[in-house]
Every structure is written in structure tokens, then in C-alpha cells.
Protein backbone atom coordinates (compact mmCIF):
# COMPACT_ATOMS: atom_id res chain seq x y z
CA UNK A 1 28.20 -10.06 -28.56
CA UNK A 2 27.46 -9.95 -24.87
CA UNK A 3 25.02 -7.73 -23.45
CA UNK A 4 26.07 -4.97 -21.12
CA UNK A 5 25.69 -5.85 -17.29
CA UNK A 6 25.64 -3.12 -15.36
CA UNK A 7 25.80 -3.23 -11.34
CA UNK A 8 23.03 -1.74 -9.65
CA UNK A 9 23.03 -1.83 -5.87
CA UNK A 10 23.13 -5.77 -5.26
CA UNK A 11 21.37 -6.82 -8.14
CA UNK A 12 22.51 -6.75 -11.73
CA UNK A 13 20.62 -5.24 -14.31
CA UNK A 14 19.63 -7.48 -17.14
CA UNK A 15 19.31 -10.37 -15.31
CA UNK A 16 15.98 -12.69 -16.19
CA UNK A 17 14.16 -13.64 -13.19
CA UNK A 18 11.29 -15.90 -12.73
CA UNK A 19 9.15 -13.76 -10.47
CA UNK A 20 6.22 -15.47 -8.68
CA UNK A 21 4.08 -14.26 -6.06
CA UNK A 22 5.12 -15.09 -2.43
CA UNK A 23 2.53 -13.20 -0.35
CA UNK A 24 0.02 -10.55 -0.02
CA UNK A 25 -0.64 -8.92 3.26
CA UNK A 26 -3.04 -5.92 3.84
CA UNK A 27 -2.50 -3.17 6.53
CA UNK A 28 -4.54 -0.34 7.86
CA UNK A 29 -2.79 2.65 9.33
CA UNK A 30 -4.52 5.53 11.09
CA UNK A 31 -3.67 8.75 9.38
CA UNK A 32 -5.77 11.48 11.34
CA UNK A 33 -9.03 12.71 11.94
CA UNK A 34 -11.47 15.60 11.53
CA UNK A 35 -14.36 17.03 13.12
CA UNK A 36 -17.58 17.60 10.83
CA UNK A 37 -20.91 18.76 11.71
CA UNK A 38 -24.07 17.31 11.05
CA UNK A 39 -28.42 17.72 11.73
CA UNK A 40 -30.12 15.55 14.15
CA UNK A 41 -33.76 16.70 15.22
CA UNK A 42 -33.10 19.87 14.03
CA UNK A 43 -30.27 20.48 16.37
CA UNK A 44 -26.62 21.01 15.00
CA UNK A 45 -24.44 17.90 16.44
CA UNK A 46 -20.37 17.49 16.06
CA UNK A 47 -18.66 14.45 15.66
CA UNK A 48 -15.00 12.81 15.02
CA UNK A 49 -14.31 11.19 11.40
CA UNK A 50 -10.93 9.26 12.13
CA UNK A 51 -9.45 8.55 8.84
CA UNK A 52 -7.31 5.62 8.15
CA UNK A 53 -5.90 3.74 4.94
CA UNK A 54 -5.61 0.34 3.48
CA UNK A 55 -2.53 -0.45 1.82
CA UNK A 56 -1.94 -3.77 -0.18
CA UNK A 57 1.75 -4.95 0.02
CA UNK A 58 2.75 -8.10 -2.49
CA UNK A 59 6.18 -9.99 -2.32
CA UNK A 60 7.64 -11.60 -4.89
CA UNK A 61 10.42 -14.34 -5.07
CA UNK A 62 12.97 -15.37 -7.79
CA UNK A 63 13.82 -19.13 -7.20
CA UNK A 64 16.76 -18.77 -10.10
CA UNK A 65 18.67 -15.83 -8.28
CA UNK A 66 16.94 -16.37 -4.53
CA UNK A 67 16.17 -12.42 -4.57
CA UNK A 68 12.98 -10.98 -3.31
CA UNK A 69 11.05 -7.95 -4.15
CA UNK A 70 8.03 -5.78 -2.84
CA UNK A 71 5.22 -3.75 -4.26
CA UNK A 72 2.94 -1.55 -2.38
CA UNK A 73 -0.18 -0.24 -3.35
CA UNK A 74 -2.73 2.31 -1.75
CA UNK A 75 -6.16 0.58 -1.77
CA UNK A 76 -8.57 2.83 -0.19
CA UNK A 77 -9.07 5.85 2.03
CA UNK A 78 -11.44 4.85 5.10
CA UNK A 79 -13.62 7.31 6.55
CA UNK A 80 -15.40 6.18 9.84
CA UNK A 81 -18.08 8.87 9.33
CA UNK A 82 -20.96 9.18 6.74
CA UNK A 83 -20.18 12.58 5.58
CA UNK A 84 -19.32 14.53 2.45
């Protein structure tokens, strides 16, 4: 008895792949900024905090079918200022 193979885009569902990690890439993307206040020498100061995110993209390659796929993960949110 054969397993049913359904077409999904350009890839068939039910195929066995030999996925191997091909490369890993990190990107830092600026997402915005905001103002915050703090006290310095009994005076109230204002600064701008730049916010960015670090994204990790991993590319996988299947040598059996010459296919590639990628996954993207949010690694961390980075604030330029030390505040709460």
C-alpha cells in the first residue's frame, strides 16, 4: 500500500529529507526609540533609548532533493540606555 503524496506548493508532502544546517546569519534591526528620564546630581535629565532586535536566521539544505529552507528566531531585544 502506497502512502498518499499531496502536492504543497513546489514541495511534495511526505518526502523524506536530509536537512543539514548550511549557514547561520545574525541581523540587528532598529525598531524604534523612546524617551526616558533619570536623576543626575539632583537634576532630572532626559535621554533617548534606541531599541533594536537581534534576529537569527538558519538556512538548511537537503542534498537529496536540492531543496533549501530557513527558520528565523528572535534572539533578543536590545535597549541602548540602561533604564527600567
